[in-house]
Amino acid sequence: MLIAFNKPYGVLCQFTDRSEPPRPTLAGFGLPPGVYAAGRLDHDSEGLLLLTDDGGLAHRLTDPRHKQPKTYWVQVEGTPRPDQLDALRRGVELRDGRTRPALAESIEPPALWPRDPPVRFRKTVPDAWLQLVIGEGRNRQVRRMTAAVGLPTLRLVRAGIGGQRLDGLAPGEWRMCVPG
């Protein structure tokens, strides 16, 4: 079984939380029993999360050797310059090593749901949207990559993993899908 879920902002990619007060988890969305997240999204990131009950499928979806591209829409602070996009395309040096090259381009703001809480807006600081496609999944990688080139991330939405896409799922909604 493979499920595409649009993880809302502020939700943990697990079914339980022992912190006080407890934070929202996947348990509140009526997902089928026995599934678990294949990969993760930080609580402050939104968008496509795949869940499965098949360990082999989870491995194929998450292991970098299987090269499942992950597509992100990233709202950044500032206006991207060609040299900043080129740096993302070449790979960025981070504390844990150089990233693989990314596909990086400026895009028009995608048609998204409002975020709660809203992204901070400042009249004096422009923002822009990028589409980044990466083939690895280090901890907070997209945020660290954009920061390394001088474009701090304001909002991060995963739009796709391999052949799976959000395709109109509202935050908190899920659907069964065909692996592949």
N, C-alpha and C. Protein backbone atom coordinates (compact mmCIF):
# COMPACT_ATOMS: atom_id res chain seq x y z
N MET A 1 0.85 -1.17 0.00
CA MET A 1 0.00 0.00 0.00
C MET A 1 0.89 1.24 0.00
N LEU A 2 0.51 2.23 -0.80
CA LEU A 2 1.22 3.50 -0.85
C LEU A 2 0.20 4.62 -0.75
N ILE A 3 0.47 5.55 0.14
CA ILE A 3 -0.44 6.67 0.40
C ILE A 3 0.31 7.97 0.18
N ALA A 4 -0.31 8.89 -0.55
CA ALA A 4 0.18 10.25 -0.68
C ALA A 4 -0.60 11.11 0.31
N PHE A 5 0.11 11.83 1.16
CA PHE A 5 -0.50 12.66 2.21
C PHE A 5 0.07 14.06 2.10
N ASN A 6 -0.79 15.07 2.19
CA ASN A 6 -0.33 16.46 2.22
C ASN A 6 -0.18 16.86 3.68
N LYS A 7 1.08 16.80 4.16
CA LYS A 7 1.37 17.10 5.56
C LYS A 7 1.24 18.59 5.82
N PRO A 8 0.36 18.97 6.72
CA PRO A 8 0.25 20.39 7.06
C PRO A 8 1.46 20.89 7.85
N TYR A 9 1.65 22.19 7.82
CA TYR A 9 2.67 22.86 8.63
C TYR A 9 2.41 22.52 10.11
N GLY A 10 3.46 22.24 10.85
CA GLY A 10 3.35 22.02 12.29
C GLY A 10 3.01 20.61 12.71
N VAL A 11 2.84 19.69 11.75
CA VAL A 11 2.52 18.30 12.07
C VAL A 11 3.81 17.47 12.04
N LEU A 12 3.99 16.60 13.03
CA LEU A 12 5.15 15.72 13.08
C LEU A 12 4.91 14.51 12.16
N CYS A 13 5.99 13.99 11.58
CA CYS A 13 5.92 12.82 10.69
C CYS A 13 5.99 11.51 11.47
N GLN A 14 5.24 11.44 12.53
CA GLN A 14 5.17 10.24 13.35
C GLN A 14 3.76 10.17 13.92
N PHE A 15 3.43 9.04 14.53
CA PHE A 15 2.07 8.84 15.02
C PHE A 15 1.91 9.13 16.50
N THR A 16 3.01 9.32 17.22
CA THR A 16 2.93 9.64 18.64
C THR A 16 3.91 10.77 18.95
N ASP A 17 3.63 11.47 20.04
CA ASP A 17 4.54 12.52 20.52
C ASP A 17 4.47 12.54 22.04
N ARG A 18 5.62 12.40 22.65
CA ARG A 18 5.67 12.35 24.12
C ARG A 18 5.94 13.71 24.75
N SER A 19 6.08 14.75 23.95
CA SER A 19 6.40 16.06 24.52
C SER A 19 5.16 16.65 25.21
N GLU A 20 5.40 17.60 26.08
CA GLU A 20 4.32 18.30 26.78
C GLU A 20 4.36 19.77 26.43
N PRO A 21 3.32 20.37 25.92
CA PRO A 21 2.10 19.68 25.49
C PRO A 21 2.36 18.89 24.21
N PRO A 22 1.57 17.85 23.95
CA PRO A 22 1.77 17.06 22.73
C PRO A 22 1.55 17.91 21.48
N ARG A 23 2.32 17.62 20.46
CA ARG A 23 2.19 18.32 19.19
C ARG A 23 1.36 17.48 18.22
N PRO A 24 0.78 18.10 17.19
CA PRO A 24 -0.01 17.32 16.23
C PRO A 24 0.86 16.28 15.52
N THR A 25 0.29 15.09 15.31
CA THR A 25 0.99 13.99 14.65
C THR A 25 0.12 13.44 13.52
N LEU A 26 0.64 12.44 12.83
CA LEU A 26 -0.09 11.78 11.75
C LEU A 26 -1.33 11.05 12.26
N ALA A 27 -1.38 10.76 13.56
CA ALA A 27 -2.50 10.00 14.12
C ALA A 27 -3.83 10.73 13.96
N GLY A 28 -3.82 12.03 13.75
CA GLY A 28 -5.06 12.78 13.69
C GLY A 28 -5.68 12.89 12.30
N PHE A 29 -5.25 12.08 11.34
CA PHE A 29 -5.71 12.27 9.97
C PHE A 29 -6.40 11.05 9.36
N GLY A 30 -6.77 10.07 10.18
CA GLY A 30 -7.54 8.93 9.69
C GLY A 30 -6.81 8.04 8.70
N LEU A 31 -5.50 7.97 8.82
CA LEU A 31 -4.71 7.11 7.93
C LEU A 31 -4.94 5.64 8.28
N PRO A 32 -4.80 4.73 7.29
CA PRO A 32 -5.01 3.32 7.57
C PRO A 32 -4.01 2.80 8.61
N PRO A 33 -4.41 1.81 9.39
CA PRO A 33 -3.47 1.25 10.39
C PRO A 33 -2.32 0.52 9.69
N GLY A 34 -1.16 0.51 10.34
CA GLY A 34 -0.02 -0.25 9.85
C GLY A 34 0.86 0.48 8.86
N VAL A 35 0.54 1.72 8.53
CA VAL A 35 1.42 2.47 7.62
C VAL A 35 2.37 3.34 8.42
N TYR A 36 3.48 3.68 7.80
CA TYR A 36 4.45 4.58 8.41
C TYR A 36 5.06 5.43 7.32
N ALA A 37 5.65 6.54 7.72
CA ALA A 37 6.20 7.49 6.76
C ALA A 37 7.44 6.91 6.10
N ALA A 38 7.50 7.01 4.78
CA ALA A 38 8.69 6.63 4.00
C ALA A 38 9.46 7.94 3.78
N GLY A 39 10.36 8.24 4.70
CA GLY A 39 11.04 9.53 4.70
C GLY A 39 10.34 10.44 5.68
N ARG A 40 10.73 11.70 5.64
CA ARG A 40 10.11 12.64 6.57
C ARG A 40 10.15 14.05 6.03
N LEU A 41 9.36 14.87 6.65
CA LEU A 41 9.37 16.32 6.45
C LEU A 41 9.42 16.93 7.84
N ASP A 42 10.22 17.95 8.02
CA ASP A 42 10.27 18.62 9.31
C ASP A 42 8.90 19.20 9.66
N HIS A 43 8.67 19.43 10.95
CA HIS A 43 7.37 19.95 11.36
C HIS A 43 7.06 21.30 10.72
N ASP A 44 8.10 22.09 10.37
CA ASP A 44 7.87 23.40 9.78
C ASP A 44 7.90 23.38 8.25
N SER A 45 7.85 22.18 7.66
CA SER A 45 7.74 22.02 6.22
C SER A 45 6.38 21.40 5.91
N GLU A 46 5.92 21.59 4.68
CA GLU A 46 4.60 21.14 4.29
C GLU A 46 4.70 20.29 3.03
N GLY A 47 3.62 19.63 2.70
CA GLY A 47 3.53 18.99 1.40
C GLY A 47 3.58 17.49 1.42
N LEU A 48 4.01 16.92 0.29
CA LEU A 48 3.89 15.50 0.03
C LEU A 48 4.74 14.65 0.98
N LEU A 49 4.05 13.75 1.65
CA LEU A 49 4.68 12.73 2.48
C LEU A 49 4.09 11.41 2.01
N LEU A 50 4.95 10.45 1.72
CA LEU A 50 4.48 9.13 1.32
C LEU A 50 4.50 8.20 2.52
N LEU A 51 3.45 7.40 2.65
CA LEU A 51 3.35 6.42 3.73
C LEU A 51 3.09 5.06 3.12
N THR A 52 3.62 4.02 3.76
CA THR A 52 3.46 2.67 3.24
C THR A 52 3.48 1.66 4.38
N ASP A 53 3.02 0.46 4.06
CA ASP A 53 3.15 -0.66 4.99
C ASP A 53 4.18 -1.67 4.48
N ASP A 54 4.93 -1.28 3.45
CA ASP A 54 5.87 -2.16 2.75
C ASP A 54 7.30 -1.65 2.97
N GLY A 55 8.09 -2.37 3.78
CA GLY A 55 9.45 -1.95 4.09
C GLY A 55 10.34 -1.84 2.87
N GLY A 56 10.22 -2.77 1.92
CA GLY A 56 11.02 -2.71 0.69
C GLY A 56 10.70 -1.48 -0.14
N LEU A 57 9.43 -1.16 -0.23
CA LEU A 57 9.02 0.03 -0.97
C LEU A 57 9.54 1.29 -0.27
N ALA A 58 9.42 1.32 1.05
CA ALA A 58 9.93 2.47 1.81
C ALA A 58 11.42 2.67 1.53
N HIS A 59 12.17 1.58 1.49
CA HIS A 59 13.61 1.67 1.22
C HIS A 59 13.86 2.22 -0.19
N ARG A 60 13.11 1.73 -1.18
CA ARG A 60 13.29 2.22 -2.56
C ARG A 60 12.93 3.69 -2.68
N LEU A 61 12.00 4.16 -1.88
CA LEU A 61 11.58 5.57 -1.95
C LEU A 61 12.57 6.50 -1.26
N THR A 62 13.27 6.01 -0.25
CA THR A 62 14.09 6.90 0.57
C THR A 62 15.59 6.76 0.38
N ASP A 63 16.08 5.63 -0.08
CA ASP A 63 17.52 5.42 -0.21
C ASP A 63 18.05 6.23 -1.40
N PRO A 64 19.05 7.10 -1.19
CA PRO A 64 19.59 7.92 -2.28
C PRO A 64 20.11 7.10 -3.46
N ARG A 65 20.49 5.85 -3.24
CA ARG A 65 20.98 5.02 -4.35
C ARG A 65 19.90 4.77 -5.39
N HIS A 66 18.64 4.89 -4.98
CA HIS A 66 17.53 4.68 -5.91
C HIS A 66 17.14 5.95 -6.65
N LYS A 67 17.79 7.06 -6.28
CA LYS A 67 17.68 8.32 -7.01
C LYS A 67 16.24 8.76 -7.28
N GLN A 68 15.41 8.73 -6.25
CA GLN A 68 14.05 9.26 -6.37
C GLN A 68 14.14 10.78 -6.23
N PRO A 69 13.93 11.53 -7.30
CA PRO A 69 14.03 12.98 -7.18
C PRO A 69 12.92 13.53 -6.29
N LYS A 70 13.27 14.49 -5.48
CA LYS A 70 12.30 15.17 -4.61
C LYS A 70 12.20 16.61 -5.09
N THR A 71 10.98 17.04 -5.39
CA THR A 71 10.72 18.38 -5.91
C THR A 71 10.15 19.25 -4.81
N TYR A 72 10.76 20.40 -4.62
CA TYR A 72 10.34 21.34 -3.58
C TYR A 72 10.03 22.70 -4.19
N TRP A 73 8.99 23.34 -3.65
CA TRP A 73 8.72 24.75 -3.94
C TRP A 73 9.17 25.51 -2.70
N VAL A 74 10.06 26.46 -2.91
CA VAL A 74 10.71 27.14 -1.79
C VAL A 74 10.51 28.64 -1.91
N GLN A 75 9.85 29.22 -0.93
CA GLN A 75 9.74 30.68 -0.86
C GLN A 75 10.97 31.16 -0.11
N VAL A 76 11.74 32.03 -0.75
CA VAL A 76 12.98 32.53 -0.15
C VAL A 76 12.92 34.03 0.06
N GLU A 77 13.70 34.47 1.00
CA GLU A 77 13.86 35.89 1.26
C GLU A 77 14.90 36.42 0.29
N GLY A 78 14.55 37.45 -0.47
CA GLY A 78 15.46 38.02 -1.44
C GLY A 78 15.05 37.66 -2.86
N THR A 79 15.78 38.23 -3.80
CA THR A 79 15.55 37.96 -5.21
C THR A 79 16.74 37.16 -5.73
N PRO A 80 16.51 35.93 -6.20
CA PRO A 80 17.63 35.09 -6.62
C PRO A 80 18.38 35.69 -7.81
N ARG A 81 19.69 35.71 -7.68
CA ARG A 81 20.56 36.15 -8.78
C ARG A 81 21.03 34.90 -9.55
N PRO A 82 21.44 35.07 -10.80
CA PRO A 82 21.92 33.92 -11.57
C PRO A 82 23.04 33.15 -10.87
N ASP A 83 23.98 33.86 -10.21
CA ASP A 83 25.08 33.16 -9.55
C ASP A 83 24.59 32.31 -8.38
N GLN A 84 23.53 32.74 -7.69
CA GLN A 84 22.99 31.95 -6.58
C GLN A 84 22.32 30.67 -7.11
N LEU A 85 21.57 30.80 -8.21
CA LEU A 85 20.95 29.62 -8.82
C LEU A 85 22.03 28.67 -9.36
N ASP A 86 23.07 29.23 -9.96
CA ASP A 86 24.17 28.39 -10.47
C ASP A 86 24.86 27.63 -9.34
N ALA A 87 25.03 28.27 -8.20
CA ALA A 87 25.65 27.59 -7.05
C ALA A 87 24.80 26.40 -6.61
N LEU A 88 23.47 26.57 -6.57
CA LEU A 88 22.59 25.45 -6.22
C LEU A 88 22.70 24.34 -7.25
N ARG A 89 22.83 24.72 -8.52
CA ARG A 89 22.92 23.73 -9.60
C ARG A 89 24.24 22.95 -9.57
N ARG A 90 25.29 23.57 -9.04
CA ARG A 90 26.59 22.89 -8.96
C ARG A 90 26.72 22.03 -7.72
N GLY A 91 25.94 22.34 -6.69
CA GLY A 91 26.08 21.70 -5.39
C GLY A 91 26.68 22.70 -4.43
N VAL A 92 26.25 22.63 -3.19
CA VAL A 92 26.62 23.62 -2.18
C VAL A 92 27.42 22.93 -1.09
N GLU A 93 28.46 23.61 -0.62
CA GLU A 93 29.26 23.08 0.48
C GLU A 93 28.54 23.37 1.80
N LEU A 94 28.20 22.29 2.53
CA LEU A 94 27.58 22.41 3.84
C LEU A 94 28.52 21.82 4.88
N ARG A 95 28.20 21.97 6.15
CA ARG A 95 29.09 21.44 7.20
C ARG A 95 29.28 19.93 7.08
N ASP A 96 28.27 19.23 6.58
CA ASP A 96 28.39 17.77 6.45
C ASP A 96 28.80 17.33 5.04
N GLY A 97 29.39 18.25 4.29
CA GLY A 97 29.90 17.92 2.96
C GLY A 97 29.12 18.59 1.84
N ARG A 98 29.63 18.43 0.66
CA ARG A 98 29.04 19.05 -0.53
C ARG A 98 27.77 18.29 -0.94
N THR A 99 26.74 19.04 -1.30
CA THR A 99 25.51 18.41 -1.79
C THR A 99 25.69 18.01 -3.24
N ARG A 100 24.86 17.11 -3.68
CA ARG A 100 24.82 16.79 -5.10
C ARG A 100 24.21 17.99 -5.83
N PRO A 101 24.51 18.14 -7.10
CA PRO A 101 23.89 19.23 -7.86
C PRO A 101 22.36 19.12 -7.82
N ALA A 102 21.71 20.26 -7.80
CA ALA A 102 20.24 20.32 -7.79
C ALA A 102 19.76 20.96 -9.09
N LEU A 103 18.57 20.63 -9.48
CA LEU A 103 17.90 21.40 -10.53
C LEU A 103 17.28 22.58 -9.81
N ALA A 104 17.60 23.78 -10.22
CA ALA A 104 17.13 24.97 -9.52
C ALA A 104 16.66 26.01 -10.53
N GLU A 105 15.46 26.53 -10.32
CA GLU A 105 14.95 27.58 -11.19
C GLU A 105 13.99 28.46 -10.42
N SER A 106 13.92 29.72 -10.83
CA SER A 106 12.91 30.63 -10.30
C SER A 106 11.57 30.26 -10.91
N ILE A 107 10.51 30.33 -10.11
CA ILE A 107 9.17 30.04 -10.61
C ILE A 107 8.21 31.11 -10.14
N GLU A 108 7.07 31.18 -10.79
CA GLU A 108 5.99 32.04 -10.30
C GLU A 108 5.46 31.45 -9.00
N PRO A 109 4.91 32.27 -8.12
CA PRO A 109 4.36 31.71 -6.88
C PRO A 109 3.33 30.62 -7.20
N PRO A 110 3.49 29.42 -6.64
CA PRO A 110 2.52 28.35 -6.91
C PRO A 110 1.18 28.64 -6.22
N ALA A 111 0.13 28.06 -6.76
CA ALA A 111 -1.20 28.20 -6.16
C ALA A 111 -1.27 27.27 -4.96
N LEU A 112 -1.09 27.84 -3.78
CA LEU A 112 -1.06 27.06 -2.54
C LEU A 112 -2.14 27.53 -1.59
N TRP A 113 -2.42 26.71 -0.61
CA TRP A 113 -3.31 27.01 0.48
C TRP A 113 -2.65 28.03 1.40
N PRO A 114 -3.43 28.79 2.15
CA PRO A 114 -2.82 29.69 3.14
C PRO A 114 -2.14 28.88 4.23
N ARG A 115 -1.02 29.38 4.71
CA ARG A 115 -0.32 28.69 5.80
C ARG A 115 -0.75 29.29 7.13
N ASP A 116 -0.90 28.42 8.13
CA ASP A 116 -1.24 28.87 9.47
C ASP A 116 -0.15 28.39 10.42
N PRO A 117 0.66 29.31 10.97
CA PRO A 117 0.58 30.76 10.85
C PRO A 117 1.14 31.22 9.51
N PRO A 118 0.73 32.41 9.07
CA PRO A 118 1.23 32.91 7.79
C PRO A 118 2.74 33.19 7.84
N VAL A 119 3.34 33.17 6.66
CA VAL A 119 4.75 33.53 6.54
C VAL A 119 4.89 35.02 6.84
N ARG A 120 5.93 35.36 7.58
CA ARG A 120 6.20 36.76 7.92
C ARG A 120 6.35 37.58 6.63
N PHE A 121 5.67 38.70 6.55
CA PHE A 121 5.77 39.57 5.39
C PHE A 121 6.45 40.87 5.80
N ARG A 122 7.46 41.27 5.01
CA ARG A 122 8.13 42.55 5.27
C ARG A 122 8.15 43.35 3.97
N LYS A 123 7.59 44.55 4.02
CA LYS A 123 7.49 45.40 2.82
C LYS A 123 8.86 45.71 2.23
N THR A 124 9.87 45.82 3.07
CA THR A 124 11.19 46.26 2.60
C THR A 124 12.07 45.12 2.10
N VAL A 125 11.63 43.87 2.29
CA VAL A 125 12.45 42.72 1.88
C VAL A 125 11.66 41.90 0.86
N PRO A 126 12.14 41.83 -0.39
CA PRO A 126 11.41 41.05 -1.38
C PRO A 126 11.53 39.55 -1.09
N ASP A 127 10.60 38.80 -1.66
CA ASP A 127 10.73 37.35 -1.60
C ASP A 127 10.44 36.79 -2.99
N ALA A 128 10.81 35.53 -3.18
CA ALA A 128 10.64 34.88 -4.47
C ALA A 128 10.44 33.39 -4.25
N TRP A 129 10.03 32.69 -5.30
CA TRP A 129 9.83 31.25 -5.24
C TRP A 129 10.83 30.55 -6.15
N LEU A 130 11.36 29.44 -5.66
CA LEU A 130 12.24 28.58 -6.44
C LEU A 130 11.61 27.19 -6.51
N GLN A 131 11.96 26.48 -7.56
CA GLN A 131 11.71 25.04 -7.58
C GLN A 131 13.07 24.37 -7.52
N LEU A 132 13.26 23.52 -6.52
CA LEU A 132 14.49 22.77 -6.36
C LEU A 132 14.17 21.28 -6.46
N VAL A 133 14.96 20.58 -7.23
CA VAL A 133 14.83 19.13 -7.33
C VAL A 133 16.15 18.53 -6.88
N ILE A 134 16.09 17.72 -5.81
CA ILE A 134 17.30 17.12 -5.26
C ILE A 134 17.15 15.60 -5.25
N GLY A 135 18.28 14.92 -5.20
CA GLY A 135 18.27 13.46 -5.20
C GLY A 135 18.76 12.86 -3.91
N GLU A 136 18.91 13.67 -2.88
CA GLU A 136 19.32 13.17 -1.57
C GLU A 136 18.38 13.77 -0.54
N GLY A 137 18.54 13.43 0.70
CA GLY A 137 17.61 13.91 1.71
C GLY A 137 18.25 14.11 3.05
N ARG A 138 19.26 14.94 3.10
CA ARG A 138 19.91 15.22 4.39
C ARG A 138 18.98 16.05 5.27
N ASN A 139 19.29 16.05 6.55
CA ASN A 139 18.51 16.80 7.51
C ASN A 139 18.46 18.29 7.13
N ARG A 140 17.26 18.80 6.95
CA ARG A 140 17.01 20.22 6.63
C ARG A 140 17.84 20.70 5.42
N GLN A 141 18.07 19.81 4.48
CA GLN A 141 18.97 20.09 3.37
C GLN A 141 18.56 21.29 2.53
N VAL A 142 17.32 21.38 2.11
CA VAL A 142 16.90 22.48 1.24
C VAL A 142 17.08 23.81 1.97
N ARG A 143 16.67 23.87 3.21
CA ARG A 143 16.84 25.12 3.99
C ARG A 143 18.31 25.49 4.12
N ARG A 144 19.16 24.50 4.36
CA ARG A 144 20.59 24.79 4.50
C ARG A 144 21.20 25.21 3.17
N MET A 145 20.74 24.60 2.07
CA MET A 145 21.28 24.96 0.75
C MET A 145 20.92 26.40 0.38
N THR A 146 19.65 26.77 0.56
CA THR A 146 19.26 28.13 0.19
C THR A 146 19.94 29.15 1.09
N ALA A 147 20.09 28.84 2.38
CA ALA A 147 20.79 29.76 3.28
C ALA A 147 22.25 29.91 2.88
N ALA A 148 22.87 28.82 2.44
CA ALA A 148 24.29 28.87 2.07
C ALA A 148 24.55 29.78 0.88
N VAL A 149 23.55 29.98 0.03
CA VAL A 149 23.73 30.88 -1.12
C VAL A 149 23.12 32.26 -0.86
N GLY A 150 22.70 32.51 0.38
CA GLY A 150 22.20 33.84 0.73
C GLY A 150 20.72 34.05 0.49
N LEU A 151 19.94 32.96 0.44
CA LEU A 151 18.50 33.06 0.21
C LEU A 151 17.77 32.25 1.30
N PRO A 152 17.59 32.83 2.49
CA PRO A 152 16.94 32.07 3.56
C PRO A 152 15.53 31.61 3.17
N THR A 153 15.19 30.40 3.56
CA THR A 153 13.87 29.84 3.28
C THR A 153 12.83 30.42 4.22
N LEU A 154 11.72 30.86 3.63
CA LEU A 154 10.57 31.33 4.40
C LEU A 154 9.48 30.26 4.48
N ARG A 155 9.28 29.54 3.40
CA ARG A 155 8.26 28.49 3.33
C ARG A 155 8.78 27.37 2.45
N LEU A 156 8.54 26.13 2.86
CA LEU A 156 9.05 24.98 2.12
C LEU A 156 7.92 23.97 1.94
N VAL A 157 7.63 23.66 0.66
CA VAL A 157 6.55 22.73 0.31
C VAL A 157 7.12 21.66 -0.61
N ARG A 158 7.02 20.39 -0.19
CA ARG A 158 7.45 19.31 -1.08
C ARG A 158 6.29 19.02 -2.02
N ALA A 159 6.55 19.14 -3.32
CA ALA A 159 5.52 18.97 -4.34
C ALA A 159 5.54 17.58 -4.96
N GLY A 160 6.69 16.87 -4.89
CA GLY A 160 6.76 15.57 -5.53
C GLY A 160 7.90 14.71 -5.01
N ILE A 161 7.71 13.40 -5.12
CA ILE A 161 8.75 12.41 -4.84
C ILE A 161 8.65 11.39 -5.96
N GLY A 162 9.71 11.27 -6.75
CA GLY A 162 9.66 10.36 -7.89
C GLY A 162 8.48 10.73 -8.77
N GLY A 163 7.64 9.76 -9.06
CA GLY A 163 6.47 10.00 -9.90
C GLY A 163 5.23 10.44 -9.14
N GLN A 164 5.31 10.54 -7.83
CA GLN A 164 4.15 10.95 -7.03
C GLN A 164 4.14 12.46 -6.85
N ARG A 165 2.94 13.06 -6.95
CA ARG A 165 2.78 14.51 -6.84
C ARG A 165 1.63 14.84 -5.87
N LEU A 166 1.65 16.07 -5.38
CA LEU A 166 0.55 16.54 -4.54
C LEU A 166 -0.77 16.54 -5.32
N ASP A 167 -0.74 17.06 -6.54
CA ASP A 167 -1.90 17.06 -7.44
C ASP A 167 -3.23 17.37 -6.76
N GLY A 168 -3.32 18.52 -6.15
CA GLY A 168 -4.60 18.99 -5.63
C GLY A 168 -4.98 18.52 -4.24
N LEU A 169 -4.15 17.72 -3.58
CA LEU A 169 -4.46 17.32 -2.20
C LEU A 169 -4.39 18.55 -1.30
N ALA A 170 -5.41 18.78 -0.54
CA ALA A 170 -5.41 19.88 0.44
C ALA A 170 -4.64 19.42 1.68
N PRO A 171 -4.14 20.35 2.48
CA PRO A 171 -3.44 19.96 3.70
C PRO A 171 -4.31 19.04 4.56
N GLY A 172 -3.71 17.93 5.02
CA GLY A 172 -4.42 16.96 5.84
C GLY A 172 -5.15 15.89 5.05
N GLU A 173 -5.24 16.04 3.73
CA GLU A 173 -5.91 15.03 2.90
C GLU A 173 -4.90 13.98 2.44
N TRP A 174 -5.40 12.78 2.15
CA TRP A 174 -4.56 11.71 1.64
C TRP A 174 -5.33 10.89 0.62
N ARG A 175 -4.57 10.16 -0.18
CA ARG A 175 -5.17 9.25 -1.17
C ARG A 175 -4.26 8.06 -1.36
N MET A 176 -4.86 6.94 -1.73
CA MET A 176 -4.10 5.75 -2.11
C MET A 176 -3.51 6.03 -3.48
N CYS A 177 -2.32 5.52 -3.73
CA CYS A 177 -1.73 5.69 -5.06
C CYS A 177 -0.99 4.43 -5.48
N VAL A 178 -0.64 4.40 -6.74
CA VAL A 178 0.04 3.25 -7.32
C VAL A 178 1.54 3.50 -7.26
N PRO A 179 2.32 2.59 -6.65
CA PRO A 179 3.77 2.78 -6.62
C PRO A 179 4.33 2.84 -8.04
N GLY A 180 5.38 3.66 -8.19
CA GLY A 180 6.02 3.70 -9.50
C GLY A 180 6.45 5.01 -9.97
